[in-house]
């Protein structure tokens, strides 16, 4: 659900970061108006990256809330199956850890 949407966004963010790095490298030798223009372009690129990261975070939080809600509904619909699954998982982990 979330993974398929993040790949293009990750590549976009990586491209923007590389562009910002190249801009900052080229701005080393600039002074005056050109330096101000380069700094403004760099800040614009960084703002874009921060907005994309914020959107990615919101998407991840939304996906996490949906999964928690889905798990909660599953537990409410099948309480005894959930208890049995939790007990079985605990027993399995206990056996594995007890062997060492």
PDB file of N, CA and C in Angstrom:
ATOM      1  N   UNK A   1       0.834  -1.184   0.000  1.00  0.00           N
ATOM      2  CA  UNK A   1       0.000   0.000   0.000  1.00  0.00           C
ATOM      3  C   UNK A   1       0.879   1.248   0.000  1.00  0.00           C
ATOM      4  N   UNK A   2       1.765   1.387   0.991  1.00  0.00           N
ATOM      5  CA  UNK A   2       2.585   2.576   1.093  1.00  0.00           C
ATOM      6  C   UNK A   2       3.861   2.443   0.284  1.00  0.00           C
ATOM      7  N   UNK A   3       4.406   1.248   0.205  1.00  0.00           N
ATOM      8  CA  UNK A   3       5.679   1.028  -0.460  1.00  0.00           C
ATOM      9  C   UNK A   3       5.669   1.391  -1.930  1.00  0.00           C
ATOM     10  N   UNK A   4       4.570   1.130  -2.627  1.00  0.00           N
ATOM     11  CA  UNK A   4       4.519   1.420  -4.057  1.00  0.00           C
ATOM     12  C   UNK A   4       4.507   2.919  -4.331  1.00  0.00           C
ATOM     13  N   UNK A   5       3.993   3.715  -3.413  1.00  0.00           N
ATOM     14  CA  UNK A   5       3.952   5.167  -3.597  1.00  0.00           C
ATOM     15  C   UNK A   5       5.264   5.837  -3.222  1.00  0.00           C
ATOM     16  N   UNK A   6       6.080   5.199  -2.414  1.00  0.00           N
ATOM     17  CA  UNK A   6       7.274   5.855  -1.899  1.00  0.00           C
ATOM     18  C   UNK A   6       8.449   5.804  -2.866  1.00  0.00           C
ATOM     19  N   UNK A   7       8.485   4.858  -3.802  1.00  0.00           N
ATOM     20  CA  UNK A   7       9.635   4.751  -4.703  1.00  0.00           C
ATOM     21  C   UNK A   7       9.806   5.975  -5.589  1.00  0.00           C
ATOM     22  N   UNK A   8       8.754   6.452  -6.274  1.00  0.00           N
ATOM     23  CA  UNK A   8       8.943   7.676  -7.067  1.00  0.00           C
ATOM     24  C   UNK A   8       9.278   8.878  -6.196  1.00  0.00           C
ATOM     25  N   UNK A   9       8.697   8.939  -5.022  1.00  0.00           N
ATOM     26  CA  UNK A   9       8.952  10.055  -4.117  1.00  0.00           C
ATOM     27  C   UNK A   9      10.391  10.024  -3.633  1.00  0.00           C
ATOM     28  N   UNK A  10      10.911   8.837  -3.331  1.00  0.00           N
ATOM     29  CA  UNK A  10      12.303   8.722  -2.903  1.00  0.00           C
ATOM     30  C   UNK A  10      13.253   9.183  -4.001  1.00  0.00           C
ATOM     31  N   UNK A  11      12.984   8.800  -5.242  1.00  0.00           N
ATOM     32  CA  UNK A  11      13.864   9.217  -6.335  1.00  0.00           C
ATOM     33  C   UNK A  11      13.762  10.723  -6.570  1.00  0.00           C
ATOM     34  N   UNK A  12      12.568  11.292  -6.410  1.00  0.00           N
ATOM     35  CA  UNK A  12      12.401  12.744  -6.543  1.00  0.00           C
ATOM     36  C   UNK A  12      13.189  13.484  -5.467  1.00  0.00           C
ATOM     37  N   UNK A  13      13.127  12.993  -4.250  1.00  0.00           N
ATOM     38  CA  UNK A  13      13.854  13.621  -3.151  1.00  0.00           C
ATOM     39  C   UNK A  13      15.355  13.515  -3.396  1.00  0.00           C
ATOM     40  N   UNK A  14      15.812  12.350  -3.844  1.00  0.00           N
ATOM     41  CA  UNK A  14      17.239  12.170  -4.116  1.00  0.00           C
ATOM     42  C   UNK A  14      17.700  13.117  -5.219  1.00  0.00           C
ATOM     43  N   UNK A  15      16.885  13.279  -6.252  1.00  0.00           N
ATOM     44  CA  UNK A  15      17.233  14.196  -7.339  1.00  0.00           C
ATOM     45  C   UNK A  15      17.302  15.629  -6.842  1.00  0.00           C
ATOM     46  N   UNK A  16      16.343  16.028  -6.017  1.00  0.00           N
ATOM     47  CA  UNK A  16      16.342  17.388  -5.481  1.00  0.00           C
ATOM     48  C   UNK A  16      17.553  17.639  -4.586  1.00  0.00           C
ATOM     49  N   UNK A  17      17.928  16.650  -3.804  1.00  0.00           N
ATOM     50  CA  UNK A  17      19.099  16.811  -2.929  1.00  0.00           C
ATOM     51  C   UNK A  17      20.362  16.936  -3.768  1.00  0.00           C
ATOM     52  N   UNK A  18      20.486  16.122  -4.822  1.00  0.00           N
ATOM     53  CA  UNK A  18      21.658  16.222  -5.704  1.00  0.00           C
ATOM     54  C   UNK A  18      21.709  17.575  -6.399  1.00  0.00           C
ATOM     55  N   UNK A  19      20.550  18.075  -6.834  1.00  0.00           N
ATOM     56  CA  UNK A  19      20.499  19.393  -7.458  1.00  0.00           C
ATOM     57  C   UNK A  19      20.929  20.483  -6.476  1.00  0.00           C
ATOM     58  N   UNK A  20      20.467  20.375  -5.240  1.00  0.00           N
ATOM     59  CA  UNK A  20      20.837  21.364  -4.228  1.00  0.00           C
ATOM     60  C   UNK A  20      22.336  21.303  -3.942  1.00  0.00           C
ATOM     61  N   UNK A  21      22.893  20.094  -3.892  1.00  0.00           N
ATOM     62  CA  UNK A  21      24.331  19.961  -3.657  1.00  0.00           C
ATOM     63  C   UNK A  21      25.123  20.575  -4.809  1.00  0.00           C
ATOM     64  N   UNK A  22      24.698  20.311  -6.035  1.00  0.00           N
ATOM     65  CA  UNK A  22      25.390  20.878  -7.198  1.00  0.00           C
ATOM     66  C   UNK A  22      25.289  22.400  -7.190  1.00  0.00           C
ATOM     67  N   UNK A  23      24.135  22.923  -6.829  1.00  0.00           N
ATOM     68  CA  UNK A  23      23.943  24.363  -6.761  1.00  0.00           C
ATOM     69  C   UNK A  23      24.844  24.987  -5.707  1.00  0.00           C
ATOM     70  N   UNK A  24      24.947  24.343  -4.560  1.00  0.00           N
ATOM     71  CA  UNK A  24      25.797  24.877  -3.500  1.00  0.00           C
ATOM     72  C   UNK A  24      27.277  24.805  -3.889  1.00  0.00           C
ATOM     73  N   UNK A  25      27.668  23.754  -4.603  1.00  0.00           N
ATOM     74  CA  UNK A  25      29.055  23.651  -5.061  1.00  0.00           C
ATOM     75  C   UNK A  25      29.381  24.765  -6.051  1.00  0.00           C
ATOM     76  N   UNK A  26      28.445  25.027  -6.954  1.00  0.00           N
ATOM     77  CA  UNK A  26      28.697  26.071  -7.946  1.00  0.00           C
ATOM     78  C   UNK A  26      28.612  27.474  -7.339  1.00  0.00           C
ATOM     79  N   UNK A  27      27.932  27.604  -6.208  1.00  0.00           N
ATOM     80  CA  UNK A  27      27.754  28.916  -5.587  1.00  0.00           C
ATOM     81  C   UNK A  27      28.952  29.339  -4.747  1.00  0.00           C
ATOM     82  N   UNK A  28      29.943  28.461  -4.592  1.00  0.00           N
ATOM     83  CA  UNK A  28      31.108  28.801  -3.781  1.00  0.00           C
ATOM     84  C   UNK A  28      31.811  30.053  -4.289  1.00  0.00           C
ATOM     85  N   UNK A  29      31.927  30.154  -5.604  1.00  0.00           N
ATOM     86  CA  UNK A  29      32.709  31.246  -6.171  1.00  0.00           C
ATOM     87  C   UNK A  29      31.871  32.484  -6.503  1.00  0.00           C
ATOM     88  N   UNK A  30      30.577  32.435  -6.254  1.00  0.00           N
ATOM     89  CA  UNK A  30      29.716  33.557  -6.613  1.00  0.00           C
ATOM     90  C   UNK A  30      29.681  34.609  -5.504  1.00  0.00           C
ATOM     91  N   UNK A  31      29.481  35.846  -5.917  1.00  0.00           N
ATOM     92  CA  UNK A  31      29.324  36.936  -4.948  1.00  0.00           C
ATOM     93  C   UNK A  31      28.194  37.849  -5.410  1.00  0.00           C
ATOM     94  N   UNK A  32      27.724  38.685  -4.529  1.00  0.00           N
ATOM     95  CA  UNK A  32      26.720  39.690  -4.870  1.00  0.00           C
ATOM     96  C   UNK A  32      25.370  39.102  -5.222  1.00  0.00           C
ATOM     97  N   UNK A  33      24.776  39.620  -6.296  1.00  0.00           N
ATOM     98  CA  UNK A  33      23.432  39.211  -6.707  1.00  0.00           C
ATOM     99  C   UNK A  33      23.382  37.748  -7.100  1.00  0.00           C
ATOM    100  N   UNK A  34      24.413  37.263  -7.766  1.00  0.00           N
ATOM    101  CA  UNK A  34      24.426  35.854  -8.185  1.00  0.00           C
ATOM    102  C   UNK A  34      24.449  34.930  -6.975  1.00  0.00           C
ATOM    103  N   UNK A  35      25.156  35.322  -5.950  1.00  0.00           N
ATOM    104  CA  UNK A  35      25.188  34.519  -4.728  1.00  0.00           C
ATOM    105  C   UNK A  35      23.812  34.513  -4.068  1.00  0.00           C
ATOM    106  N   UNK A  36      23.162  35.670  -4.036  1.00  0.00           N
ATOM    107  CA  UNK A  36      21.817  35.746  -3.458  1.00  0.00           C
ATOM    108  C   UNK A  36      20.836  34.893  -4.249  1.00  0.00           C
ATOM    109  N   UNK A  37      20.943  34.939  -5.573  1.00  0.00           N
ATOM    110  CA  UNK A  37      20.064  34.144  -6.422  1.00  0.00           C
ATOM    111  C   UNK A  37      20.303  32.649  -6.209  1.00  0.00           C
ATOM    112  N   UNK A  38      21.562  32.253  -6.117  1.00  0.00           N
ATOM    113  CA  UNK A  38      21.889  30.846  -5.887  1.00  0.00           C
ATOM    114  C   UNK A  38      21.388  30.398  -4.520  1.00  0.00           C
ATOM    115  N   UNK A  39      21.542  31.261  -3.514  1.00  0.00           N
ATOM    116  CA  UNK A  39      21.061  30.920  -2.177  1.00  0.00           C
ATOM    117  C   UNK A  39      19.544  30.772  -2.177  1.00  0.00           C
ATOM    118  N   UNK A  40      18.837  31.657  -2.876  1.00  0.00           N
ATOM    119  CA  UNK A  40      17.378  31.569  -2.954  1.00  0.00           C
ATOM    120  C   UNK A  40      16.938  30.293  -3.665  1.00  0.00           C
ATOM    121  N   UNK A  41      17.643  29.924  -4.733  1.00  0.00           N
ATOM    122  CA  UNK A  41      17.317  28.685  -5.432  1.00  0.00           C
ATOM    123  C   UNK A  41      17.565  27.486  -4.527  1.00  0.00           C
ATOM    124  N   UNK A  42      18.661  27.529  -3.789  1.00  0.00           N
ATOM    125  CA  UNK A  42      18.960  26.443  -2.849  1.00  0.00           C
ATOM    126  C   UNK A  42      17.898  26.321  -1.777  1.00  0.00           C
ATOM    127  N   UNK A  43      17.462  27.448  -1.253  1.00  0.00           N
ATOM    128  CA  UNK A  43      16.419  27.418  -0.226  1.00  0.00           C
ATOM    129  C   UNK A  43      15.105  26.899  -0.793  1.00  0.00           C
ATOM    130  N   UNK A  44      14.809  27.254  -2.038  1.00  0.00           N
ATOM    131  CA  UNK A  44      13.600  26.753  -2.680  1.00  0.00           C
ATOM    132  C   UNK A  44      13.663  25.236  -2.852  1.00  0.00           C
ATOM    133  N   UNK A  45      14.821  24.728  -3.262  1.00  0.00           N
ATOM    134  CA  UNK A  45      14.987  23.283  -3.395  1.00  0.00           C
ATOM    135  C   UNK A  45      14.839  22.586  -2.043  1.00  0.00           C
ATOM    136  N   UNK A  46      15.434  23.155  -1.013  1.00  0.00           N
ATOM    137  CA  UNK A  46      15.328  22.545   0.312  1.00  0.00           C
ATOM    138  C   UNK A  46      13.895  22.588   0.836  1.00  0.00           C
ATOM    139  N   UNK A  47      13.189  23.684   0.582  1.00  0.00           N
ATOM    140  CA  UNK A  47      11.779  23.755   0.983  1.00  0.00           C
ATOM    141  C   UNK A  47      10.965  22.673   0.286  1.00  0.00           C
ATOM    142  N   UNK A  48      11.260  22.442  -0.997  1.00  0.00           N
ATOM    143  CA  UNK A  48      10.560  21.402  -1.743  1.00  0.00           C
ATOM    144  C   UNK A  48      10.832  20.027  -1.141  1.00  0.00           C
ATOM    145  N   UNK A  49      12.090  19.776  -0.782  1.00  0.00           N
ATOM    146  CA  UNK A  49      12.451  18.495  -0.161  1.00  0.00           C
ATOM    147  C   UNK A  49      11.731  18.322   1.168  1.00  0.00           C
ATOM    148  N   UNK A  50      11.692  19.388   1.979  1.00  0.00           N
ATOM    149  CA  UNK A  50      11.016  19.288   3.268  1.00  0.00           C
ATOM    150  C   UNK A  50       9.520  19.030   3.091  1.00  0.00           C
ATOM    151  N   UNK A  51       8.902  19.662   2.112  1.00  0.00           N
ATOM    152  CA  UNK A  51       7.478  19.422   1.862  1.00  0.00           C
ATOM    153  C   UNK A  51       7.233  17.977   1.421  1.00  0.00           C
ATOM    154  N   UNK A  52       8.110  17.467   0.560  1.00  0.00           N
ATOM    155  CA  UNK A  52       7.962  16.082   0.110  1.00  0.00           C
ATOM    156  C   UNK A  52       8.153  15.115   1.280  1.00  0.00           C
ATOM    157  N   UNK A  53       9.125  15.399   2.136  1.00  0.00           N
ATOM    158  CA  UNK A  53       9.350  14.550   3.309  1.00  0.00           C
ATOM    159  C   UNK A  53       8.146  14.606   4.251  1.00  0.00           C
ATOM    160  N   UNK A  54       7.561  15.777   4.395  1.00  0.00           N
ATOM    161  CA  UNK A  54       6.381  15.924   5.253  1.00  0.00           C
ATOM    162  C   UNK A  54       5.213  15.121   4.678  1.00  0.00           C
ATOM    163  N   UNK A  55       5.019  15.186   3.364  1.00  0.00           N
ATOM    164  CA  UNK A  55       3.955  14.409   2.727  1.00  0.00           C
ATOM    165  C   UNK A  55       4.190  12.915   2.914  1.00  0.00           C
ATOM    166  N   UNK A  56       5.453  12.507   2.796  1.00  0.00           N
ATOM    167  CA  UNK A  56       5.793  11.101   2.982  1.00  0.00           C
ATOM    168  C   UNK A  56       5.501  10.662   4.417  1.00  0.00           C
ATOM    169  N   UNK A  57       5.810  11.525   5.379  1.00  0.00           N
ATOM    170  CA  UNK A  57       5.545  11.218   6.780  1.00  0.00           C
ATOM    171  C   UNK A  57       4.045  11.092   7.027  1.00  0.00           C
ATOM    172  N   UNK A  58       3.272  12.030   6.489  1.00  0.00           N
ATOM    173  CA  UNK A  58       1.818  11.963   6.664  1.00  0.00           C
ATOM    174  C   UNK A  58       1.247  10.689   6.057  1.00  0.00           C
ATOM    175  N   UNK A  59       1.764  10.301   4.911  1.00  0.00           N
ATOM    176  CA  UNK A  59       1.306   9.080   4.264  1.00  0.00           C
ATOM    177  C   UNK A  59       1.638   7.852   5.112  1.00  0.00           C
ATOM    178  N   UNK A  60       2.841   7.831   5.689  1.00  0.00           N
ATOM    179  CA  UNK A  60       3.248   6.709   6.534  1.00  0.00           C
ATOM    180  C   UNK A  60       2.397   6.637   7.799  1.00  0.00           C
ATOM    181  N   UNK A  61       2.118   7.791   8.386  1.00  0.00           N
ATOM    182  CA  UNK A  61       1.286   7.820   9.592  1.00  0.00           C
ATOM    183  C   UNK A  61      -0.124   7.331   9.264  1.00  0.00           C
ATOM    184  N   UNK A  62      -0.662   7.780   8.133  1.00  0.00           N
ATOM    185  CA  UNK A  62      -1.998   7.329   7.722  1.00  0.00           C
ATOM    186  C   UNK A  62      -2.049   5.835   7.480  1.00  0.00           C
ATOM    187  N   UNK A  63      -1.013   5.293   6.827  1.00  0.00           N
ATOM    188  CA  UNK A  63      -0.965   3.851   6.578  1.00  0.00           C
ATOM    189  C   UNK A  63      -0.843   3.087   7.893  1.00  0.00           C
ATOM    190  N   UNK A  64      -0.047   3.610   8.824  1.00  0.00           N
ATOM    191  CA  UNK A  64       0.092   2.956  10.134  1.00  0.00           C
ATOM    192  C   UNK A  64      -1.211   2.949  10.907  1.00  0.00           C
ATOM    193  N   UNK A  65      -1.925   4.069  10.874  1.00  0.00           N
ATOM    194  CA  UNK A  65      -3.219   4.122  11.566  1.00  0.00           C
ATOM    195  C   UNK A  65      -4.220   3.163  10.950  1.00  0.00           C
ATOM    196  N   UNK A  66      -4.193   3.035   9.625  1.00  0.00           N
ATOM    197  CA  UNK A  66      -5.100   2.099   8.952  1.00  0.00           C
ATOM    198  C   UNK A  66      -4.786   0.664   9.351  1.00  0.00           C
ATOM    199  N   UNK A  67      -3.485   0.339   9.450  1.00  0.00           N
ATOM    200  CA  UNK A  67      -3.111  -1.028   9.850  1.00  0.00           C
ATOM    201  C   UNK A  67      -3.512  -1.308  11.289  1.00  0.00           C
ATOM    202  N   UNK A  68      -3.332  -0.329  12.172  1.00  0.00           N
ATOM    203  CA  UNK A  68      -3.720  -0.513  13.569  1.00  0.00           C
ATOM    204  C   UNK A  68      -5.231  -0.704  13.673  1.00  0.00           C
ATOM    205  N   UNK A  69      -5.974   0.080  12.936  1.00  0.00           N
ATOM    206  CA  UNK A  69      -7.427  -0.048  12.948  1.00  0.00           C
ATOM    207  C   UNK A  69      -7.864  -1.418  12.429  1.00  0.00           C
ATOM    208  N   UNK A  70      -7.216  -1.857  11.359  1.00  0.00           N
ATOM    209  CA  UNK A  70      -7.538  -3.159  10.788  1.00  0.00           C
ATOM    210  C   UNK A  70      -7.217  -4.284  11.771  1.00  0.00           C
ATOM    211  N   UNK A  71      -6.070  -4.188  12.441  1.00  0.00           N
ATOM    212  CA  UNK A  71      -5.704  -5.206  13.430  1.00  0.00           C
ATOM    213  C   UNK A  71      -6.682  -5.180  14.602  1.00  0.00           C
ATOM    214  N   UNK A  72      -7.069  -3.986  15.029  1.00  0.00           N
ATOM    215  CA  UNK A  72      -8.033  -3.871  16.122  1.00  0.00           C
ATOM    216  C   UNK A  72      -9.378  -4.483  15.757  1.00  0.00           C
ATOM    217  N   UNK A  73      -9.823  -4.266  14.528  1.00  0.00           N
ATOM    218  CA  UNK A  73     -11.079  -4.853  14.077  1.00  0.00           C
ATOM    219  C   UNK A  73     -10.985  -6.379  14.042  1.00  0.00           C
ATOM    220  N   UNK A  74      -9.838  -6.875  13.590  1.00  0.00           N
ATOM    221  CA  UNK A  74      -9.641  -8.327  13.523  1.00  0.00           C
ATOM    222  C   UNK A  74      -9.678  -8.939  14.923  1.00  0.00           C
ATOM    223  N   UNK A  75      -9.051  -8.283  15.887  1.00  0.00           N
ATOM    224  CA  UNK A  75      -9.043  -8.782  17.262  1.00  0.00           C
ATOM    225  C   UNK A  75     -10.446  -8.722  17.851  1.00  0.00           C
ATOM    226  N   UNK A  76     -11.186  -7.649  17.558  1.00  0.00           N
ATOM    227  CA  UNK A  76     -12.551  -7.537  18.079  1.00  0.00           C
ATOM    228  C   UNK A  76     -13.471  -8.590  17.480  1.00  0.00           C
ATOM    229  N   UNK A  77     -13.257  -8.923  16.207  1.00  0.00           N
ATOM    230  CA  UNK A  77     -14.098  -9.922  15.551  1.00  0.00           C
ATOM    231  C   UNK A  77     -13.754 -11.346  15.992  1.00  0.00           C
ATOM    232  N   UNK A  78     -12.506 -11.598  16.360  1.00  0.00           N
ATOM    233  CA  UNK A  78     -12.053 -12.950  16.724  1.00  0.00           C
ATOM    234  C   UNK A  78     -11.246 -12.902  18.022  1.00  0.00           C
ATOM    235  N   UNK A  79     -11.890 -12.623  19.162  1.00  0.00           N
ATOM    236  CA  UNK A  79     -11.111 -12.444  20.392  1.00  0.00           C
ATOM    237  C   UNK A  79     -10.402 -13.726  20.853  1.00  0.00           C
ATOM    238  N   UNK A  80     -11.059 -14.871  20.771  1.00  0.00           N
ATOM    239  CA  UNK A  80     -10.440 -16.100  21.267  1.00  0.00           C
ATOM    240  C   UNK A  80      -9.327 -16.572  20.330  1.00  0.00           C
ATOM    241  N   UNK A  81      -9.510 -16.360  19.065  1.00  0.00           N
ATOM    242  CA  UNK A  81      -8.452 -16.712  18.115  1.00  0.00           C
ATOM    243  C   UNK A  81      -7.222 -15.820  18.360  1.00  0.00           C
ATOM    244  N   UNK A  82      -7.467 -14.565  18.685  1.00  0.00           N
ATOM    245  CA  UNK A  82      -6.368 -13.643  18.964  1.00  0.00           C
ATOM    246  C   UNK A  82      -5.620 -14.052  20.234  1.00  0.00           C
ATOM    247  N   UNK A  83      -6.369 -14.459  21.261  1.00  0.00           N
ATOM    248  CA  UNK A  83      -5.744 -14.911  22.505  1.00  0.00           C
ATOM    249  C   UNK A  83      -4.918 -16.167  22.237  1.00  0.00           C
ATOM    250  N   UNK A  84      -5.465 -17.100  21.472  1.00  0.00           N
ATOM    251  CA  UNK A  84      -4.746 -18.336  21.165  1.00  0.00           C
ATOM    252  C   UNK A  84      -3.482 -18.045  20.347  1.00  0.00           C
ATOM    253  N   UNK A  85      -3.588 -17.145  19.395  1.00  0.00           N
ATOM    254  CA  UNK A  85      -2.426 -16.789  18.584  1.00  0.00           C
ATOM    255  C   UNK A  85      -1.347 -16.122  19.436  1.00  0.00           C
ATOM    256  N   UNK A  86      -1.737 -15.225  20.333  1.00  0.00           N
ATOM    257  CA  UNK A  86      -0.772 -14.568  21.216  1.00  0.00           C
ATOM    258  C   UNK A  86      -0.117 -15.584  22.150  1.00  0.00           C
ATOM    259  N   UNK A  87      -0.900 -16.499  22.696  1.00  0.00           N
ATOM    260  CA  UNK A  87      -0.347 -17.520  23.587  1.00  0.00           C
ATOM    261  C   UNK A  87       0.599 -18.451  22.834  1.00  0.00           C
ATOM    262  N   UNK A  88       0.217 -18.839  21.636  1.00  0.00           N
ATOM    263  CA  UNK A  88       1.078 -19.706  20.829  1.00  0.00           C
ATOM    264  C   UNK A  88       2.380 -19.014  20.457  1.00  0.00           C
ATOM    265  N   UNK A  89       2.297 -17.758  20.113  1.00  0.00           N
ATOM    266  CA  UNK A  89       3.504 -16.999  19.781  1.00  0.00           C
ATOM    267  C   UNK A  89       4.396 -16.865  21.002  1.00  0.00           C
ATOM    268  N   UNK A  90       3.810 -16.589  22.151  1.00  0.00           N
ATOM    269  CA  UNK A  90       4.585 -16.496  23.390  1.00  0.00           C
ATOM    270  C   UNK A  90       5.244 -17.815  23.749  1.00  0.00           C
ATOM    271  N   UNK A  91       4.531 -18.907  23.562  1.00  0.00           N
ATOM    272  CA  UNK A  91       5.090 -20.233  23.830  1.00  0.00           C
ATOM    273  C   UNK A  91       6.254 -20.520  22.892  1.00  0.00           C
ATOM    274  N   UNK A  92       6.084 -20.225  21.620  1.00  0.00           N
ATOM    275  CA  UNK A  92       7.138 -20.450  20.641  1.00  0.00           C
ATOM    276  C   UNK A  92       8.384 -19.617  20.961  1.00  0.00           C
ATOM    277  N   UNK A  93       8.207 -18.353  21.281  1.00  0.00           N
ATOM    278  CA  UNK A  93       9.340 -17.497  21.640  1.00  0.00           C
ATOM    279  C   UNK A  93       9.999 -18.007  22.915  1.00  0.00           C
ATOM    280  N   UNK A  94       9.199 -18.442  23.872  1.00  0.00           N
ATOM    281  CA  UNK A  94       9.749 -18.982  25.115  1.00  0.00           C
ATOM    282  C   UNK A  94      10.575 -20.238  24.884  1.00  0.00           C
ATOM    283  N   UNK A  95      10.113 -21.113  24.011  1.00  0.00           N
ATOM    284  CA  UNK A  95      10.857 -22.324  23.698  1.00  0.00           C
ATOM    285  C   UNK A  95      12.176 -21.987  23.009  1.00  0.00           C
ATOM    286  N   UNK A  96      12.099 -21.060  22.059  1.00  0.00           N
ATOM    287  CA  UNK A  96      13.315 -20.690  21.330  1.00  0.00           C
ATOM    288  C   UNK A  96      14.334 -20.034  22.255  1.00  0.00           C
ATOM    289  N   UNK A  97      13.890 -19.117  23.098  1.00  0.00           N
ATOM    290  CA  UNK A  97      14.809 -18.451  24.035  1.00  0.00           C
ATOM    291  C   UNK A  97      15.270 -19.368  25.141  1.00  0.00           C
ATOM    292  N   UNK A  98      14.454 -20.337  25.541  1.00  0.00           N
ATOM    293  CA  UNK A  98      14.801 -21.271  26.595  1.00  0.00           C
ATOM    294  C   UNK A  98      15.873 -22.275  26.188  1.00  0.00           C
ATOM    295  N   UNK A  99      16.028 -22.512  24.901  1.00  0.00           N
ATOM    296  CA  UNK A  99      17.017 -23.462  24.423  1.00  0.00           C
ATOM    297  C   UNK A  99      18.434 -22.931  24.564  1.00  0.00           C
ATOM    298  N   UNK A 100      18.578 -21.643  24.548  1.00  0.00           N
ATOM    299  CA  UNK A 100      19.931 -21.061  24.575  1.00  0.00           C
ATOM    300  C   UNK A 100      20.365 -20.944  25.967  1.00  0.00           C
TER     301      UNK A 100
END
